[in-house]
Amino acid sequence: MSPKTEAVPTAAAAESDTPAVAAGTNPNYVPLDEPIQRGEQIIKGVTLRKPRSGELRGVQLAQLMQLDVASLQTVLPRITSPTLTAHDVANLDPADLLAIAGVMAGFFLTKAERESLPA
């Protein structure tokens, strides 16, 4: 399998591996308006996972919640799949960065806060 196909999950591959990986069913998947190209690899979207406390080291939570770009550059490489580098984060389209940060901000809500949000 070439690096190009490994970085871009197809709907068929996502359905065969885990249904939650498909872009339409995984709320933590963010399709990118401007894909990232690394050599032959093209990243059309990323999946975020909820960070653990250790993955938040070196950043102030207040700055992270204010969508501070430097804080995002520190944390996103630790929680994205495929892994984005700090350089990748720095070169993201602002709309893509905001979409990714929005998903990440949702990780900091309590269960009660998530349930009170409109569907």
C-alpha atoms as a PDB file:
ATOM      1  CA  MET A   1       0.000   0.000   0.000  1.00  0.00           C
ATOM      2  CA  SER A   2       1.442   3.390  -0.940  1.00  0.00           C
ATOM      3  CA  PRO A   3       1.800   6.195   1.634  1.00  0.00           C
ATOM      4  CA  LYS A   4      -0.833   8.154  -0.301  1.00  0.00           C
ATOM      5  CA  THR A   5      -3.587   5.609   0.377  1.00  0.00           C
ATOM      6  CA  GLU A   6      -2.563   5.092   3.996  1.00  0.00           C
ATOM      7  CA  ALA A   7      -3.095   8.759   4.884  1.00  0.00           C
ATOM      8  CA  VAL A   8      -6.447   9.150   3.157  1.00  0.00           C
ATOM      9  CA  PRO A   9      -9.083   6.844   4.650  1.00  0.00           C
ATOM     10  CA  THR A  10     -11.628   5.808   2.075  1.00  0.00           C
ATOM     11  CA  ALA A  11     -15.217   5.158   3.015  1.00  0.00           C
ATOM     12  CA  ALA A  12     -14.899   1.492   2.035  1.00  0.00           C
ATOM     13  CA  ALA A  13     -11.745   0.995   4.091  1.00  0.00           C
ATOM     14  CA  ALA A  14     -13.247   2.849   7.013  1.00  0.00           C
ATOM     15  CA  GLU A  15     -16.364   0.707   6.954  1.00  0.00           C
ATOM     16  CA  SER A  16     -14.388  -2.519   6.832  1.00  0.00           C
ATOM     17  CA  ASP A  17     -12.067  -1.571   9.706  1.00  0.00           C
ATOM     18  CA  THR A  18     -14.256   0.413  12.074  1.00  0.00           C
ATOM     19  CA  PRO A  19     -17.484   2.153  11.157  1.00  0.00           C
ATOM     20  CA  ALA A  20     -16.678   5.101  13.439  1.00  0.00           C
ATOM     21  CA  VAL A  21     -13.715   6.079  11.261  1.00  0.00           C
ATOM     22  CA  ALA A  22     -15.913   7.121   8.350  1.00  0.00           C
ATOM     23  CA  ALA A  23     -16.039  10.889   7.983  1.00  0.00           C
ATOM     24  CA  GLY A  24     -19.816  11.005   8.281  1.00  0.00           C
ATOM     25  CA  THR A  25     -20.040   9.000  11.503  1.00  0.00           C
ATOM     26  CA  ASN A  26     -17.006  10.054  13.536  1.00  0.00           C
ATOM     27  CA  PRO A  27     -17.493  13.441  15.207  1.00  0.00           C
ATOM     28  CA  ASN A  28     -13.746  13.620  15.838  1.00  0.00           C
ATOM     29  CA  TYR A  29     -12.862  13.397  12.118  1.00  0.00           C
ATOM     30  CA  VAL A  30     -12.174  16.737  10.426  1.00  0.00           C
ATOM     31  CA  PRO A  31     -12.008  16.846   6.611  1.00  0.00           C
ATOM     32  CA  LEU A  32      -9.510  19.452   5.455  1.00  0.00           C
ATOM     33  CA  ASP A  33     -10.520  22.139   2.955  1.00  0.00           C
ATOM     34  CA  GLU A  34      -6.875  22.330   1.906  1.00  0.00           C
ATOM     35  CA  PRO A  35      -5.223  18.897   2.112  1.00  0.00           C
ATOM     36  CA  ILE A  36      -1.691  18.635   3.473  1.00  0.00           C
ATOM     37  CA  GLN A  37       0.924  17.218   1.137  1.00  0.00           C
ATOM     38  CA  ARG A  38       4.103  15.578   2.479  1.00  0.00           C
ATOM     39  CA  GLY A  39       6.060  14.249  -0.447  1.00  0.00           C
ATOM     40  CA  GLU A  40       3.715  11.732  -2.084  1.00  0.00           C
ATOM     41  CA  GLN A  41       1.457  11.524   0.963  1.00  0.00           C
ATOM     42  CA  ILE A  42      -1.733  13.584   0.870  1.00  0.00           C
ATOM     43  CA  ILE A  43      -3.696  14.087   4.085  1.00  0.00           C
ATOM     44  CA  LYS A  44      -7.311  14.998   3.326  1.00  0.00           C
ATOM     45  CA  GLY A  45      -8.549  14.818   6.904  1.00  0.00           C
ATOM     46  CA  VAL A  46      -7.501  14.081  10.457  1.00  0.00           C
ATOM     47  CA  THR A  47      -9.029  12.273  13.390  1.00  0.00           C
ATOM     48  CA  LEU A  48      -8.502  13.647  16.872  1.00  0.00           C
ATOM     49  CA  ARG A  49      -8.564  11.664  20.065  1.00  0.00           C
ATOM     50  CA  LYS A  50      -9.210  13.035  23.524  1.00  0.00           C
ATOM     51  CA  PRO A  51      -5.890  14.031  25.107  1.00  0.00           C
ATOM     52  CA  ARG A  52      -4.747  12.639  28.415  1.00  0.00           C
ATOM     53  CA  SER A  53      -3.328  14.989  31.036  1.00  0.00           C
ATOM     54  CA  GLY A  54       0.263  14.130  30.114  1.00  0.00           C
ATOM     55  CA  GLU A  55      -0.352  15.152  26.516  1.00  0.00           C
ATOM     56  CA  LEU A  56      -1.303  18.614  27.729  1.00  0.00           C
ATOM     57  CA  ARG A  57       2.083  19.196  29.373  1.00  0.00           C
ATOM     58  CA  GLY A  58       3.853  22.377  28.400  1.00  0.00           C
ATOM     59  CA  VAL A  59       0.686  24.332  27.623  1.00  0.00           C
ATOM     60  CA  GLN A  60      -1.616  26.440  29.730  1.00  0.00           C
ATOM     61  CA  LEU A  61      -5.189  25.195  29.480  1.00  0.00           C
ATOM     62  CA  ALA A  62      -6.523  28.761  29.383  1.00  0.00           C
ATOM     63  CA  GLN A  63      -4.404  29.496  26.313  1.00  0.00           C
ATOM     64  CA  LEU A  64      -5.456  26.235  24.689  1.00  0.00           C
ATOM     65  CA  MET A  65      -9.133  27.046  25.287  1.00  0.00           C
ATOM     66  CA  GLN A  66      -8.545  30.498  23.746  1.00  0.00           C
ATOM     67  CA  LEU A  67      -7.279  28.656  20.637  1.00  0.00           C
ATOM     68  CA  ASP A  68      -3.731  29.958  21.030  1.00  0.00           C
ATOM     69  CA  VAL A  69      -1.909  28.765  17.904  1.00  0.00           C
ATOM     70  CA  ALA A  70       1.348  27.977  19.733  1.00  0.00           C
ATOM     71  CA  SER A  71      -0.567  25.804  22.208  1.00  0.00           C
ATOM     72  CA  LEU A  72      -2.371  24.048  19.362  1.00  0.00           C
ATOM     73  CA  GLN A  73       0.980  23.417  17.641  1.00  0.00           C
ATOM     74  CA  THR A  74       2.161  21.705  20.814  1.00  0.00           C
ATOM     75  CA  VAL A  75      -0.887  19.526  21.486  1.00  0.00           C
ATOM     76  CA  LEU A  76      -2.209  18.585  18.020  1.00  0.00           C
ATOM     77  CA  PRO A  77       0.817  16.460  17.018  1.00  0.00           C
ATOM     78  CA  ARG A  78       0.129  14.374  20.124  1.00  0.00           C
ATOM     79  CA  ILE A  79      -3.546  13.646  19.391  1.00  0.00           C
ATOM     80  CA  THR A  80      -4.030  13.581  15.597  1.00  0.00           C
ATOM     81  CA  SER A  81      -4.126  10.637  13.247  1.00  0.00           C
ATOM     82  CA  PRO A  82      -2.383  10.747  10.886  1.00  0.00           C
ATOM     83  CA  THR A  83       0.037  12.654  13.072  1.00  0.00           C
ATOM     84  CA  LEU A  84       0.337  16.306  12.158  1.00  0.00           C
ATOM     85  CA  THR A  85       3.684  17.926  12.863  1.00  0.00           C
ATOM     86  CA  ALA A  86       3.999  21.395  14.381  1.00  0.00           C
ATOM     87  CA  HIS A  87       5.033  22.523  10.882  1.00  0.00           C
ATOM     88  CA  ASP A  88       1.845  20.995   9.418  1.00  0.00           C
ATOM     89  CA  VAL A  89      -0.252  22.820  12.023  1.00  0.00           C
ATOM     90  CA  ALA A  90       1.536  26.097  11.272  1.00  0.00           C
ATOM     91  CA  ASN A  91       0.710  25.709   7.576  1.00  0.00           C
ATOM     92  CA  LEU A  92      -2.951  24.759   7.967  1.00  0.00           C
ATOM     93  CA  ASP A  93      -5.604  26.878   6.319  1.00  0.00           C
ATOM     94  CA  PRO A  94      -7.124  29.049   9.092  1.00  0.00           C
ATOM     95  CA  ALA A  95     -10.563  27.508   8.502  1.00  0.00           C
ATOM     96  CA  ASP A  96      -9.088  24.010   8.919  1.00  0.00           C
ATOM     97  CA  LEU A  97      -7.245  25.049  12.086  1.00  0.00           C
ATOM     98  CA  LEU A  98     -10.448  26.461  13.555  1.00  0.00           C
ATOM     99  CA  ALA A  99     -12.414  23.312  12.669  1.00  0.00           C
ATOM    100  CA  ILE A 100      -9.782  21.108  14.324  1.00  0.00           C
ATOM    101  CA  ALA A 101      -9.611  23.393  17.370  1.00  0.00           C
ATOM    102  CA  GLY A 102     -13.401  23.259  17.670  1.00  0.00           C
ATOM    103  CA  VAL A 103     -13.348  19.473  17.897  1.00  0.00           C
ATOM    104  CA  MET A 104     -10.547  19.646  20.436  1.00  0.00           C
ATOM    105  CA  ALA A 105     -12.435  22.218  22.547  1.00  0.00           C
ATOM    106  CA  GLY A 106     -15.288  19.730  22.816  1.00  0.00           C
ATOM    107  CA  PHE A 107     -12.971  17.352  24.658  1.00  0.00           C
ATOM    108  CA  PHE A 108     -12.857  19.785  27.576  1.00  0.00           C
ATOM    109  CA  LEU A 109     -16.614  19.776  28.168  1.00  0.00           C
ATOM    110  CA  THR A 110     -18.022  17.689  30.986  1.00  0.00           C
ATOM    111  CA  LYS A 111     -20.540  14.964  30.216  1.00  0.00           C
ATOM    112  CA  ALA A 112     -23.361  17.142  31.593  1.00  0.00           C
ATOM    113  CA  GLU A 113     -22.272  20.078  29.407  1.00  0.00           C
ATOM    114  CA  ARG A 114     -22.188  17.869  26.290  1.00  0.00           C
ATOM    115  CA  GLU A 115     -25.666  16.499  27.031  1.00  0.00           C
ATOM    116  CA  SER A 116     -27.094  19.997  27.458  1.00  0.00           C
ATOM    117  CA  LEU A 117     -25.924  21.092  23.996  1.00  0.00           C
ATOM    118  CA  PRO A 118     -28.550  21.111  21.237  1.00  0.00           C
ATOM    119  CA  ALA A 119     -28.191  18.189  18.844  1.00  0.00           C
END
